[in-house]
């Protein structure tokens, strides 16, 4: 409830120091904020005194700072203000820290391109080398049912063609211009004899 929140505009004074800790990544750097005022006599803007802050950032913000910030970059830092006194070289000195909650480039001084951090690059994500190794090895066959082509399905045996009736065969031969079998004259004669024997005698 009694925290002091500040937003400071300035430039990165030292390289970002980053290290991994038991509670997550930690980054820190020195930040210089120079006040500017307008000189009415000379009609120009001039630099005023410079204030130095120690900026600290934890976890994902610290890792992204280490990958994005260089010495001299103009930044806007928002976070909690901490003022502490410590012994330094036999003298009591005052240090001003800012525990950063959000940091961005000052776009009044230039342009910046934003790149969203992927899942495996976040804190606790899959290491990039593991992702690269998995892509090189390819998916496991057990995990991908379509990793290999399925065996070919054997074709069903063809059904034997039904024998054609004699009449159909004769019609097909007639359409094709092929002469059919020779007529059986003996069978016709025998049929005529049977019909005469069956007729009543007058």
N, C-alpha and C. Protein backbone atom coordinates (compact mmCIF):
# COMPACT_ATOMS: atom_id res chain seq x y z
N UNK A 1 0.82 -1.20 0.00
CA UNK A 1 0.00 0.00 0.00
C UNK A 1 0.86 1.26 0.00
N UNK A 2 2.05 1.21 0.61
CA UNK A 2 2.91 2.38 0.71
C UNK A 2 4.03 2.38 -0.33
N UNK A 3 3.89 1.56 -1.37
CA UNK A 3 4.92 1.52 -2.40
C UNK A 3 4.86 2.78 -3.26
N UNK A 4 6.03 3.23 -3.70
CA UNK A 4 6.13 4.40 -4.56
C UNK A 4 6.41 3.94 -5.98
N UNK A 5 5.48 4.22 -6.88
CA UNK A 5 5.62 3.83 -8.28
C UNK A 5 6.13 5.02 -9.08
N UNK A 6 7.11 4.77 -9.93
CA UNK A 6 7.71 5.84 -10.73
C UNK A 6 7.80 5.39 -12.18
N UNK A 7 7.83 6.37 -13.08
CA UNK A 7 8.11 6.14 -14.49
C UNK A 7 9.24 7.07 -14.89
N UNK A 8 10.35 6.47 -15.32
CA UNK A 8 11.57 7.22 -15.59
C UNK A 8 11.91 7.07 -17.07
N UNK A 9 12.27 8.19 -17.69
CA UNK A 9 12.67 8.21 -19.10
C UNK A 9 14.14 8.57 -19.16
N UNK A 10 14.93 7.74 -19.84
CA UNK A 10 16.37 8.01 -19.91
C UNK A 10 17.05 7.05 -20.87
N UNK A 11 18.34 6.81 -20.59
CA UNK A 11 19.16 5.98 -21.46
C UNK A 11 19.89 4.92 -20.64
N UNK A 12 20.16 3.79 -21.28
CA UNK A 12 20.91 2.71 -20.64
C UNK A 12 22.36 3.14 -20.52
N UNK A 13 22.90 3.09 -19.29
CA UNK A 13 24.25 3.56 -19.05
C UNK A 13 25.28 2.43 -19.03
N UNK A 14 24.87 1.21 -18.67
CA UNK A 14 25.79 0.07 -18.63
C UNK A 14 25.13 -1.13 -19.29
N UNK A 15 25.97 -2.11 -19.63
CA UNK A 15 25.44 -3.33 -20.22
C UNK A 15 24.59 -4.08 -19.20
N UNK A 16 23.58 -4.78 -19.72
CA UNK A 16 22.68 -5.54 -18.86
C UNK A 16 23.40 -6.78 -18.34
N UNK A 17 23.39 -6.96 -17.02
CA UNK A 17 23.95 -8.15 -16.40
C UNK A 17 22.79 -9.11 -16.09
N UNK A 18 22.92 -10.33 -16.58
CA UNK A 18 21.84 -11.31 -16.40
C UNK A 18 22.41 -12.59 -15.80
N UNK A 19 21.65 -13.17 -14.86
CA UNK A 19 22.04 -14.46 -14.28
C UNK A 19 20.78 -15.20 -13.84
N UNK A 20 20.90 -16.52 -13.83
CA UNK A 20 19.80 -17.38 -13.36
C UNK A 20 19.93 -17.60 -11.86
N UNK A 21 18.79 -17.54 -11.17
CA UNK A 21 18.76 -17.77 -9.73
C UNK A 21 17.73 -18.85 -9.41
N UNK A 22 17.64 -19.21 -8.14
CA UNK A 22 16.69 -20.25 -7.73
C UNK A 22 15.25 -19.81 -7.94
N UNK A 23 14.99 -18.52 -7.94
CA UNK A 23 13.62 -18.01 -8.11
C UNK A 23 13.37 -17.49 -9.52
N UNK A 24 14.32 -17.68 -10.43
CA UNK A 24 14.13 -17.22 -11.80
C UNK A 24 15.26 -16.31 -12.24
N UNK A 25 15.20 -15.89 -13.49
CA UNK A 25 16.23 -15.02 -14.04
C UNK A 25 16.21 -13.64 -13.39
N UNK A 26 17.39 -13.01 -13.37
CA UNK A 26 17.53 -11.68 -12.76
C UNK A 26 18.45 -10.84 -13.64
N UNK A 27 18.01 -9.62 -13.95
CA UNK A 27 18.79 -8.70 -14.78
C UNK A 27 18.88 -7.35 -14.09
N UNK A 28 20.01 -6.66 -14.28
CA UNK A 28 20.16 -5.32 -13.72
C UNK A 28 21.08 -4.50 -14.62
N UNK A 29 20.88 -3.19 -14.58
CA UNK A 29 21.73 -2.27 -15.34
C UNK A 29 21.57 -0.88 -14.74
N UNK A 30 22.51 0.00 -15.07
CA UNK A 30 22.45 1.39 -14.62
C UNK A 30 21.71 2.21 -15.67
N UNK A 31 20.89 3.10 -15.17
CA UNK A 31 19.99 3.89 -16.01
C UNK A 31 20.20 5.36 -15.71
N UNK A 32 20.42 6.14 -16.76
CA UNK A 32 20.68 7.58 -16.61
C UNK A 32 19.51 8.38 -17.15
N UNK A 33 18.99 9.27 -16.30
CA UNK A 33 17.88 10.15 -16.69
C UNK A 33 18.36 11.59 -16.58
N UNK A 34 18.42 12.25 -17.72
CA UNK A 34 18.92 13.62 -17.77
C UNK A 34 17.76 14.57 -18.01
N UNK A 35 17.61 15.51 -17.10
CA UNK A 35 16.55 16.51 -17.27
C UNK A 35 16.96 17.53 -18.33
N UNK A 36 15.99 18.03 -19.07
CA UNK A 36 16.24 19.05 -20.09
C UNK A 36 15.35 20.26 -19.80
N UNK A 37 15.92 21.42 -20.04
CA UNK A 37 15.17 22.65 -19.81
C UNK A 37 15.42 23.59 -20.99
N UNK A 38 14.53 24.53 -21.13
CA UNK A 38 14.63 25.47 -22.23
C UNK A 38 15.31 26.76 -21.76
N UNK A 39 16.41 27.12 -22.41
CA UNK A 39 17.14 28.34 -22.08
C UNK A 39 16.56 29.49 -22.90
N UNK A 40 15.85 30.38 -22.21
CA UNK A 40 15.18 31.48 -22.92
C UNK A 40 16.17 32.49 -23.48
N UNK A 41 17.30 32.66 -22.82
CA UNK A 41 18.27 33.64 -23.32
C UNK A 41 18.91 33.17 -24.62
N UNK A 42 19.24 31.87 -24.68
CA UNK A 42 19.87 31.34 -25.88
C UNK A 42 18.85 30.75 -26.85
N UNK A 43 17.60 30.58 -26.38
CA UNK A 43 16.51 30.03 -27.20
C UNK A 43 16.84 28.61 -27.68
N UNK A 44 17.41 27.81 -26.78
CA UNK A 44 17.73 26.42 -27.11
C UNK A 44 17.43 25.56 -25.89
N UNK A 45 17.30 24.24 -26.15
CA UNK A 45 17.16 23.28 -25.07
C UNK A 45 18.53 22.85 -24.59
N UNK A 46 18.72 22.79 -23.27
CA UNK A 46 20.01 22.41 -22.69
C UNK A 46 19.77 21.28 -21.68
N UNK A 47 20.85 20.50 -21.47
CA UNK A 47 20.77 19.39 -20.52
C UNK A 47 20.95 19.89 -19.10
N UNK A 48 20.14 19.32 -18.20
CA UNK A 48 20.27 19.62 -16.78
C UNK A 48 21.06 18.53 -16.07
N UNK A 49 20.93 18.41 -14.77
CA UNK A 49 21.65 17.37 -14.03
C UNK A 49 21.14 15.97 -14.39
N UNK A 50 22.03 14.99 -14.26
CA UNK A 50 21.70 13.60 -14.59
C UNK A 50 21.54 12.79 -13.32
N UNK A 51 20.45 12.02 -13.22
CA UNK A 51 20.20 11.13 -12.09
C UNK A 51 20.43 9.69 -12.55
N UNK A 52 21.10 8.91 -11.69
CA UNK A 52 21.40 7.53 -12.03
C UNK A 52 20.57 6.60 -11.14
N UNK A 53 20.03 5.55 -11.76
CA UNK A 53 19.22 4.56 -11.06
C UNK A 53 19.78 3.17 -11.37
N UNK A 54 19.61 2.28 -10.43
CA UNK A 54 19.91 0.86 -10.66
C UNK A 54 18.59 0.16 -10.94
N UNK A 55 18.42 -0.30 -12.17
CA UNK A 55 17.17 -0.95 -12.58
C UNK A 55 17.35 -2.46 -12.44
N UNK A 56 16.36 -3.10 -11.81
CA UNK A 56 16.38 -4.54 -11.61
C UNK A 56 15.09 -5.12 -12.20
N UNK A 57 15.21 -6.30 -12.78
CA UNK A 57 14.04 -6.97 -13.37
C UNK A 57 14.18 -8.46 -13.15
N UNK A 58 13.05 -9.13 -12.92
CA UNK A 58 13.03 -10.56 -12.61
C UNK A 58 12.33 -11.34 -13.69
N UNK A 59 12.68 -12.64 -13.74
CA UNK A 59 12.01 -13.64 -14.56
C UNK A 59 11.94 -13.24 -16.04
N UNK A 60 10.76 -13.32 -16.63
CA UNK A 60 10.65 -13.12 -18.08
C UNK A 60 11.10 -11.72 -18.48
N UNK A 61 10.76 -10.71 -17.70
CA UNK A 61 11.17 -9.35 -18.04
C UNK A 61 12.69 -9.23 -18.03
N UNK A 62 13.35 -9.86 -17.06
CA UNK A 62 14.80 -9.80 -17.02
C UNK A 62 15.44 -10.48 -18.22
N UNK A 63 14.90 -11.65 -18.61
CA UNK A 63 15.45 -12.36 -19.77
C UNK A 63 15.23 -11.56 -21.05
N UNK A 64 14.06 -10.95 -21.20
CA UNK A 64 13.79 -10.17 -22.40
C UNK A 64 14.63 -8.90 -22.44
N UNK A 65 14.91 -8.31 -21.28
CA UNK A 65 15.79 -7.13 -21.24
C UNK A 65 17.19 -7.49 -21.72
N UNK A 66 17.71 -8.61 -21.23
CA UNK A 66 19.06 -9.01 -21.63
C UNK A 66 19.15 -9.26 -23.13
N UNK A 67 18.06 -9.70 -23.76
CA UNK A 67 18.06 -10.00 -25.19
C UNK A 67 17.71 -8.79 -26.05
N UNK A 68 17.25 -7.68 -25.45
CA UNK A 68 16.70 -6.59 -26.24
C UNK A 68 17.40 -5.25 -26.04
N UNK A 69 18.13 -5.08 -24.95
CA UNK A 69 18.62 -3.75 -24.58
C UNK A 69 20.14 -3.68 -24.73
N UNK A 70 20.61 -2.57 -25.27
CA UNK A 70 22.04 -2.30 -25.40
C UNK A 70 22.36 -0.95 -24.77
N UNK A 71 23.65 -0.72 -24.54
CA UNK A 71 24.09 0.54 -23.94
C UNK A 71 23.70 1.69 -24.87
N UNK A 72 23.11 2.74 -24.28
CA UNK A 72 22.72 3.92 -25.03
C UNK A 72 21.28 3.91 -25.50
N UNK A 73 20.58 2.77 -25.39
CA UNK A 73 19.18 2.72 -25.84
C UNK A 73 18.31 3.64 -24.99
N UNK A 74 17.41 4.41 -25.64
CA UNK A 74 16.46 5.21 -24.87
C UNK A 74 15.30 4.34 -24.40
N UNK A 75 15.01 4.38 -23.10
CA UNK A 75 13.98 3.51 -22.52
C UNK A 75 13.00 4.32 -21.69
N UNK A 76 11.83 3.70 -21.48
CA UNK A 76 10.85 4.17 -20.50
C UNK A 76 10.69 3.04 -19.49
N UNK A 77 11.06 3.29 -18.23
CA UNK A 77 11.06 2.27 -17.19
C UNK A 77 9.97 2.62 -16.17
N UNK A 78 9.11 1.63 -15.89
CA UNK A 78 8.06 1.82 -14.90
C UNK A 78 8.20 0.73 -13.84
N UNK A 79 8.19 1.16 -12.56
CA UNK A 79 8.33 0.17 -11.50
C UNK A 79 8.30 0.78 -10.11
N UNK A 80 8.76 -0.02 -9.14
CA UNK A 80 8.75 0.39 -7.72
C UNK A 80 10.06 1.09 -7.37
N UNK A 81 9.96 2.20 -6.68
CA UNK A 81 11.14 2.97 -6.27
C UNK A 81 11.64 2.48 -4.92
N UNK A 82 12.95 2.22 -4.80
CA UNK A 82 13.58 1.81 -3.56
C UNK A 82 14.77 2.73 -3.30
N UNK A 83 14.84 3.29 -2.11
CA UNK A 83 15.97 4.13 -1.70
C UNK A 83 16.64 3.47 -0.51
N UNK A 84 17.95 3.20 -0.60
CA UNK A 84 18.66 2.51 0.46
C UNK A 84 19.99 3.20 0.71
N UNK A 85 20.51 3.00 1.92
CA UNK A 85 21.81 3.55 2.30
C UNK A 85 22.72 2.40 2.71
N UNK A 86 23.96 2.43 2.21
CA UNK A 86 24.92 1.39 2.51
C UNK A 86 26.31 2.00 2.66
N UNK A 87 27.18 1.22 3.32
CA UNK A 87 28.58 1.63 3.45
C UNK A 87 29.31 1.31 2.15
N UNK A 88 29.99 2.30 1.59
CA UNK A 88 30.74 2.09 0.36
C UNK A 88 32.08 2.80 0.48
N UNK A 89 33.16 1.99 0.58
CA UNK A 89 34.52 2.52 0.71
C UNK A 89 34.64 3.43 1.93
N UNK A 90 34.05 2.97 3.05
CA UNK A 90 34.16 3.71 4.30
C UNK A 90 33.25 4.93 4.41
N UNK A 91 32.39 5.10 3.43
CA UNK A 91 31.48 6.25 3.46
C UNK A 91 30.05 5.76 3.31
N UNK A 92 29.16 6.49 3.91
CA UNK A 92 27.73 6.18 3.82
C UNK A 92 27.18 6.80 2.54
N UNK A 93 26.64 5.93 1.68
CA UNK A 93 26.13 6.43 0.40
C UNK A 93 24.69 6.00 0.21
N UNK A 94 23.98 6.77 -0.60
CA UNK A 94 22.57 6.50 -0.89
C UNK A 94 22.46 5.94 -2.31
N UNK A 95 21.69 4.84 -2.40
CA UNK A 95 21.46 4.21 -3.70
C UNK A 95 19.96 4.24 -4.00
N UNK A 96 19.64 4.49 -5.25
CA UNK A 96 18.24 4.55 -5.69
C UNK A 96 18.04 3.42 -6.70
N UNK A 97 17.12 2.52 -6.36
CA UNK A 97 16.82 1.37 -7.23
C UNK A 97 15.40 1.48 -7.76
N UNK A 98 15.19 0.90 -8.93
CA UNK A 98 13.86 0.78 -9.52
C UNK A 98 13.65 -0.70 -9.84
N UNK A 99 12.68 -1.32 -9.19
CA UNK A 99 12.31 -2.69 -9.52
C UNK A 99 11.31 -2.63 -10.67
N UNK A 100 11.80 -2.92 -11.86
CA UNK A 100 11.01 -2.69 -13.06
C UNK A 100 9.85 -3.67 -13.17
N UNK A 101 8.70 -3.15 -13.55
CA UNK A 101 7.52 -3.96 -13.86
C UNK A 101 7.22 -3.95 -15.36
N UNK A 102 7.66 -2.89 -16.04
CA UNK A 102 7.46 -2.78 -17.49
C UNK A 102 8.56 -1.89 -18.04
N UNK A 103 9.11 -2.28 -19.18
CA UNK A 103 10.19 -1.54 -19.83
C UNK A 103 9.92 -1.53 -21.32
N UNK A 104 10.12 -0.38 -21.94
CA UNK A 104 9.95 -0.29 -23.40
C UNK A 104 10.85 0.78 -23.97
N UNK A 105 11.11 0.67 -25.28
CA UNK A 105 11.92 1.69 -25.95
C UNK A 105 11.12 3.00 -26.06
N UNK A 106 11.84 4.10 -25.95
CA UNK A 106 11.23 5.42 -26.07
C UNK A 106 11.07 5.74 -27.56
N UNK A 107 9.86 5.61 -28.07
CA UNK A 107 9.64 5.78 -29.50
C UNK A 107 9.64 7.23 -29.96
N UNK A 108 9.78 8.18 -29.03
CA UNK A 108 9.99 9.57 -29.47
C UNK A 108 11.41 9.79 -29.98
N UNK A 109 12.27 8.82 -29.73
CA UNK A 109 13.68 8.92 -30.14
C UNK A 109 14.02 8.03 -31.32
N UNK A 110 13.11 7.16 -31.71
CA UNK A 110 13.41 6.25 -32.82
C UNK A 110 12.32 5.20 -32.96
N UNK A 111 12.63 4.15 -33.71
CA UNK A 111 11.67 3.08 -33.98
C UNK A 111 12.15 1.79 -33.35
N UNK A 112 11.23 0.86 -33.18
CA UNK A 112 11.55 -0.43 -32.58
C UNK A 112 10.63 -1.48 -33.18
N UNK A 113 11.14 -2.71 -33.35
CA UNK A 113 10.35 -3.82 -33.89
C UNK A 113 10.11 -4.81 -32.77
N UNK A 114 8.83 -5.13 -32.55
CA UNK A 114 8.46 -6.04 -31.46
C UNK A 114 8.42 -7.46 -31.98
N UNK A 115 8.96 -8.40 -31.21
CA UNK A 115 8.90 -9.83 -31.54
C UNK A 115 8.35 -10.58 -30.35
N UNK A 116 7.24 -11.25 -30.55
CA UNK A 116 6.61 -12.00 -29.45
C UNK A 116 7.44 -13.23 -29.12
N UNK A 117 7.63 -13.48 -27.82
CA UNK A 117 8.42 -14.61 -27.37
C UNK A 117 7.59 -15.87 -27.50
N UNK A 118 8.17 -16.92 -28.11
CA UNK A 118 7.46 -18.18 -28.29
C UNK A 118 7.41 -18.96 -26.99
N UNK A 119 6.58 -20.00 -26.99
CA UNK A 119 6.35 -20.76 -25.76
C UNK A 119 7.62 -21.41 -25.25
N UNK A 120 8.45 -21.99 -26.16
CA UNK A 120 9.64 -22.68 -25.69
C UNK A 120 10.71 -21.72 -25.22
N UNK A 121 10.56 -20.40 -25.52
CA UNK A 121 11.54 -19.42 -25.08
C UNK A 121 11.18 -18.78 -23.75
N UNK A 122 9.95 -19.00 -23.27
CA UNK A 122 9.56 -18.44 -21.99
C UNK A 122 10.22 -19.18 -20.85
N UNK A 123 10.16 -18.58 -19.66
CA UNK A 123 10.74 -19.20 -18.49
C UNK A 123 10.00 -20.49 -18.20
N UNK A 124 10.73 -21.61 -18.06
CA UNK A 124 10.13 -22.90 -17.81
C UNK A 124 9.65 -23.61 -19.04
N UNK A 125 9.89 -23.06 -20.26
CA UNK A 125 9.46 -23.70 -21.49
C UNK A 125 10.44 -24.76 -21.93
N UNK A 126 10.15 -25.40 -23.05
CA UNK A 126 11.02 -26.42 -23.60
C UNK A 126 12.28 -25.78 -24.14
N UNK A 127 13.48 -26.28 -23.81
CA UNK A 127 14.71 -25.68 -24.33
C UNK A 127 14.72 -25.71 -25.84
N UNK A 128 15.28 -24.67 -26.48
CA UNK A 128 15.29 -24.63 -27.95
C UNK A 128 16.04 -25.81 -28.55
N UNK A 129 17.14 -26.29 -27.90
CA UNK A 129 17.88 -27.39 -28.48
C UNK A 129 17.05 -28.66 -28.52
N UNK A 130 16.15 -28.84 -27.53
CA UNK A 130 15.29 -30.03 -27.55
C UNK A 130 14.31 -29.96 -28.71
N UNK A 131 13.77 -28.78 -28.98
CA UNK A 131 12.86 -28.62 -30.10
C UNK A 131 13.56 -28.87 -31.42
N UNK A 132 14.81 -28.37 -31.56
CA UNK A 132 15.57 -28.58 -32.79
C UNK A 132 15.88 -30.05 -33.00
N UNK A 133 16.25 -30.75 -31.92
CA UNK A 133 16.58 -32.16 -32.04
C UNK A 133 15.35 -32.98 -32.44
N UNK A 134 14.20 -32.65 -31.87
CA UNK A 134 12.98 -33.38 -32.22
C UNK A 134 12.59 -33.15 -33.67
N UNK A 135 12.79 -31.92 -34.16
CA UNK A 135 12.46 -31.64 -35.57
C UNK A 135 13.38 -32.39 -36.51
N UNK A 136 14.67 -32.55 -36.13
CA UNK A 136 15.61 -33.26 -36.98
C UNK A 136 15.34 -34.75 -37.01
N UNK A 137 14.96 -35.32 -35.87
CA UNK A 137 14.70 -36.75 -35.81
C UNK A 137 13.38 -37.12 -36.45
N UNK A 138 12.43 -36.21 -36.49
CA UNK A 138 11.13 -36.50 -37.07
C UNK A 138 10.22 -37.14 -36.06
N UNK A 139 8.92 -37.21 -36.34
CA UNK A 139 7.96 -37.78 -35.40
C UNK A 139 8.13 -39.28 -35.27
N UNK A 140 7.84 -39.79 -34.09
CA UNK A 140 7.91 -41.23 -33.86
C UNK A 140 6.75 -41.91 -34.56
N UNK A 141 7.02 -43.14 -35.04
CA UNK A 141 5.97 -43.87 -35.76
C UNK A 141 4.81 -44.19 -34.85
N UNK A 142 5.08 -44.48 -33.57
CA UNK A 142 4.00 -44.81 -32.64
C UNK A 142 3.08 -43.63 -32.41
N UNK A 143 3.61 -42.40 -32.52
CA UNK A 143 2.79 -41.22 -32.29
C UNK A 143 2.06 -40.78 -33.55
N UNK A 144 2.54 -41.19 -34.71
CA UNK A 144 1.94 -40.75 -35.96
C UNK A 144 1.49 -41.97 -36.75
N UNK A 145 0.19 -42.28 -36.77
CA UNK A 145 -0.26 -43.49 -37.48
C UNK A 145 -0.04 -43.41 -38.98
N UNK A 146 0.19 -42.19 -39.50
CA UNK A 146 0.39 -42.04 -40.94
C UNK A 146 1.86 -41.82 -41.27
N UNK A 147 2.75 -42.21 -40.34
CA UNK A 147 4.18 -42.04 -40.61
C UNK A 147 4.64 -42.97 -41.72
N UNK A 148 4.03 -44.17 -41.86
CA UNK A 148 4.36 -45.10 -42.94
C UNK A 148 3.10 -45.38 -43.74
N UNK A 149 3.30 -45.74 -45.01
CA UNK A 149 2.15 -46.02 -45.87
C UNK A 149 1.46 -47.29 -45.41
N UNK A 150 0.13 -47.37 -45.38
CA UNK A 150 -0.57 -48.60 -45.01
C UNK A 150 -0.35 -49.67 -46.05
N UNK A 151 -0.38 -50.98 -45.66
CA UNK A 151 -0.18 -52.06 -46.66
C UNK A 151 -1.30 -52.04 -47.68
N UNK A 152 -0.97 -52.41 -48.93
CA UNK A 152 -2.02 -52.41 -49.98
C UNK A 152 -3.09 -53.44 -49.70
N UNK A 153 -4.33 -53.12 -50.01
CA UNK A 153 -5.46 -54.03 -49.81
C UNK A 153 -5.53 -54.98 -51.00
N UNK A 154 -5.51 -56.33 -50.78
CA UNK A 154 -5.56 -57.24 -51.93
C UNK A 154 -6.88 -57.13 -52.67
N UNK A 155 -6.81 -57.21 -54.00
CA UNK A 155 -8.02 -57.08 -54.81
C UNK A 155 -8.84 -58.36 -54.72
N UNK A 156 -10.17 -58.25 -54.75
CA UNK A 156 -11.06 -59.41 -54.68
C UNK A 156 -10.96 -60.20 -55.97
N UNK A 157 -10.97 -61.56 -55.90
CA UNK A 157 -10.88 -62.36 -57.14
C UNK A 157 -12.11 -62.15 -58.02
N UNK A 158 -11.86 -62.12 -59.31
CA UNK A 158 -12.96 -61.88 -60.26
C UNK A 158 -13.87 -63.10 -60.32
N UNK A 159 -15.18 -62.88 -60.35
CA UNK A 159 -16.15 -63.97 -60.42
C UNK A 159 -16.13 -64.59 -61.81
N UNK A 160 -16.23 -65.93 -61.92
CA UNK A 160 -16.23 -66.56 -63.25
C UNK A 160 -17.48 -66.17 -64.04
N UNK A 161 -17.27 -65.97 -65.31
CA UNK A 161 -18.38 -65.56 -66.16
C UNK A 161 -19.37 -66.70 -66.33
N UNK A 162 -20.67 -66.41 -66.24
CA UNK A 162 -21.71 -67.43 -66.40
C UNK A 162 -21.79 -67.87 -67.84
N UNK A 163 -21.98 -69.17 -68.09
CA UNK A 163 -22.07 -69.63 -69.51
C UNK A 163 -23.32 -69.07 -70.17
N UNK A 164 -23.17 -68.64 -71.37
CA UNK A 164 -24.30 -68.05 -72.10
C UNK A 164 -25.21 -69.14 -72.61
N UNK A 165 -26.52 -68.88 -72.66
CA UNK A 165 -27.50 -69.82 -73.20
C UNK A 165 -27.23 -70.04 -74.68
N UNK A 166 -27.62 -71.19 -75.21
CA UNK A 166 -27.37 -71.43 -76.65
C UNK A 166 -28.01 -70.38 -77.53
N UNK A 167 -29.26 -69.95 -77.17
CA UNK A 167 -29.91 -68.95 -78.01
C UNK A 167 -29.14 -67.64 -77.99
N UNK A 168 -28.67 -67.21 -76.79
CA UNK A 168 -27.92 -65.96 -76.69
C UNK A 168 -26.62 -66.06 -77.45
N UNK A 169 -25.99 -67.25 -77.38
CA UNK A 169 -24.74 -67.41 -78.10
C UNK A 169 -24.97 -67.31 -79.60
N UNK A 170 -26.11 -67.90 -80.11
CA UNK A 170 -26.40 -67.82 -81.53
C UNK A 170 -26.68 -66.39 -81.96
N UNK A 171 -27.41 -65.61 -81.08
CA UNK A 171 -27.69 -64.22 -81.43
C UNK A 171 -26.40 -63.41 -81.46
N UNK A 172 -25.51 -63.67 -80.49
CA UNK A 172 -24.25 -62.94 -80.48
C UNK A 172 -23.43 -63.28 -81.71
N UNK A 173 -23.43 -64.55 -82.11
CA UNK A 173 -22.68 -64.92 -83.29
C UNK A 173 -23.26 -64.28 -84.53
N UNK A 174 -24.64 -64.18 -84.57
CA UNK A 174 -25.26 -63.55 -85.74
C UNK A 174 -24.91 -62.08 -85.82
N UNK A 175 -24.91 -61.36 -84.64
CA UNK A 175 -24.54 -59.94 -84.65
C UNK A 175 -23.10 -59.75 -85.04
N UNK A 176 -22.23 -60.70 -84.63
CA UNK A 176 -20.82 -60.58 -84.95
C UNK A 176 -20.50 -61.03 -86.35
N UNK A 177 -21.51 -61.64 -87.06
CA UNK A 177 -21.24 -62.12 -88.41
C UNK A 177 -20.56 -63.46 -88.44
N UNK A 178 -20.57 -64.19 -87.31
CA UNK A 178 -19.93 -65.50 -87.24
C UNK A 178 -21.00 -66.56 -87.38
N UNK A 179 -20.84 -67.48 -88.30
CA UNK A 179 -21.89 -68.51 -88.45
C UNK A 179 -21.97 -69.39 -87.23
N UNK A 180 -23.19 -69.76 -86.81
CA UNK A 180 -23.40 -70.60 -85.66
C UNK A 180 -23.20 -72.06 -86.02
N UNK A 181 -23.49 -72.99 -85.10
CA UNK A 181 -23.31 -74.42 -85.40
C UNK A 181 -24.30 -74.89 -86.48
N UNK A 182 -23.91 -75.93 -87.22
CA UNK A 182 -24.76 -76.46 -88.32
C UNK A 182 -26.02 -77.08 -87.74
N UNK A 183 -27.18 -76.91 -88.40
CA UNK A 183 -28.43 -77.48 -87.88
C UNK A 183 -28.39 -79.00 -87.89
N UNK A 184 -29.01 -79.61 -86.90
CA UNK A 184 -29.07 -81.07 -86.76
C UNK A 184 -30.30 -81.57 -87.54
N UNK A 185 -30.13 -81.99 -88.82
CA UNK A 185 -31.26 -82.44 -89.66
C UNK A 185 -31.84 -83.74 -89.18
N UNK A 186 -31.03 -84.63 -88.61
CA UNK A 186 -31.54 -85.91 -88.10
C UNK A 186 -32.52 -85.73 -86.97
N UNK A 187 -32.27 -84.78 -86.09
CA UNK A 187 -33.19 -84.54 -84.97
C UNK A 187 -34.51 -84.03 -85.48
N UNK A 188 -34.52 -83.20 -86.53
CA UNK A 188 -35.79 -82.68 -87.08
C UNK A 188 -36.60 -83.82 -87.70
N UNK A 189 -35.90 -84.73 -88.35
CA UNK A 189 -36.62 -85.85 -88.98
C UNK A 189 -37.25 -86.75 -87.94
N UNK A 190 -36.55 -87.02 -86.88
CA UNK A 190 -37.10 -87.86 -85.82
C UNK A 190 -38.32 -87.19 -85.17
N UNK A 191 -38.30 -85.88 -85.01
CA UNK A 191 -39.43 -85.17 -84.42
C UNK A 191 -40.65 -85.24 -85.33
N UNK A 192 -40.45 -85.19 -86.66
CA UNK A 192 -41.57 -85.28 -87.59
C UNK A 192 -42.19 -86.66 -87.56
N UNK A 193 -41.35 -87.72 -87.42
CA UNK A 193 -41.87 -89.08 -87.36
C UNK A 193 -42.72 -89.27 -86.13
N UNK A 194 -42.30 -88.73 -85.00
CA UNK A 194 -43.07 -88.88 -83.76
C UNK A 194 -44.42 -88.19 -83.89
N UNK A 195 -44.49 -87.05 -84.56
CA UNK A 195 -45.76 -86.35 -84.70
C UNK A 195 -46.73 -87.15 -85.56
N UNK A 196 -46.24 -87.85 -86.67
CA UNK A 196 -47.12 -88.62 -87.52
C UNK A 196 -47.65 -89.83 -86.80
N UNK A 197 -46.81 -90.48 -85.97
CA UNK A 197 -47.26 -91.65 -85.23
C UNK A 197 -48.31 -91.29 -84.19
N UNK A 198 -48.24 -90.04 -83.70
CA UNK A 198 -49.22 -89.64 -82.68
C UNK A 198 -50.56 -89.26 -83.26
N UNK A 199 -50.66 -89.04 -84.61
CA UNK A 199 -51.93 -88.65 -85.23
C UNK A 199 -52.87 -89.85 -85.26
N UNK A 200 -54.22 -89.66 -85.05
CA UNK A 200 -55.19 -90.77 -85.06
C UNK A 200 -55.39 -91.31 -86.48
N UNK A 201 -55.62 -92.61 -86.58
CA UNK A 201 -55.83 -93.23 -87.90
C UNK A 201 -57.30 -93.09 -88.28
N UNK A 202 -57.63 -92.63 -89.51
CA UNK A 202 -59.00 -92.41 -89.97
C UNK A 202 -59.56 -93.65 -90.61
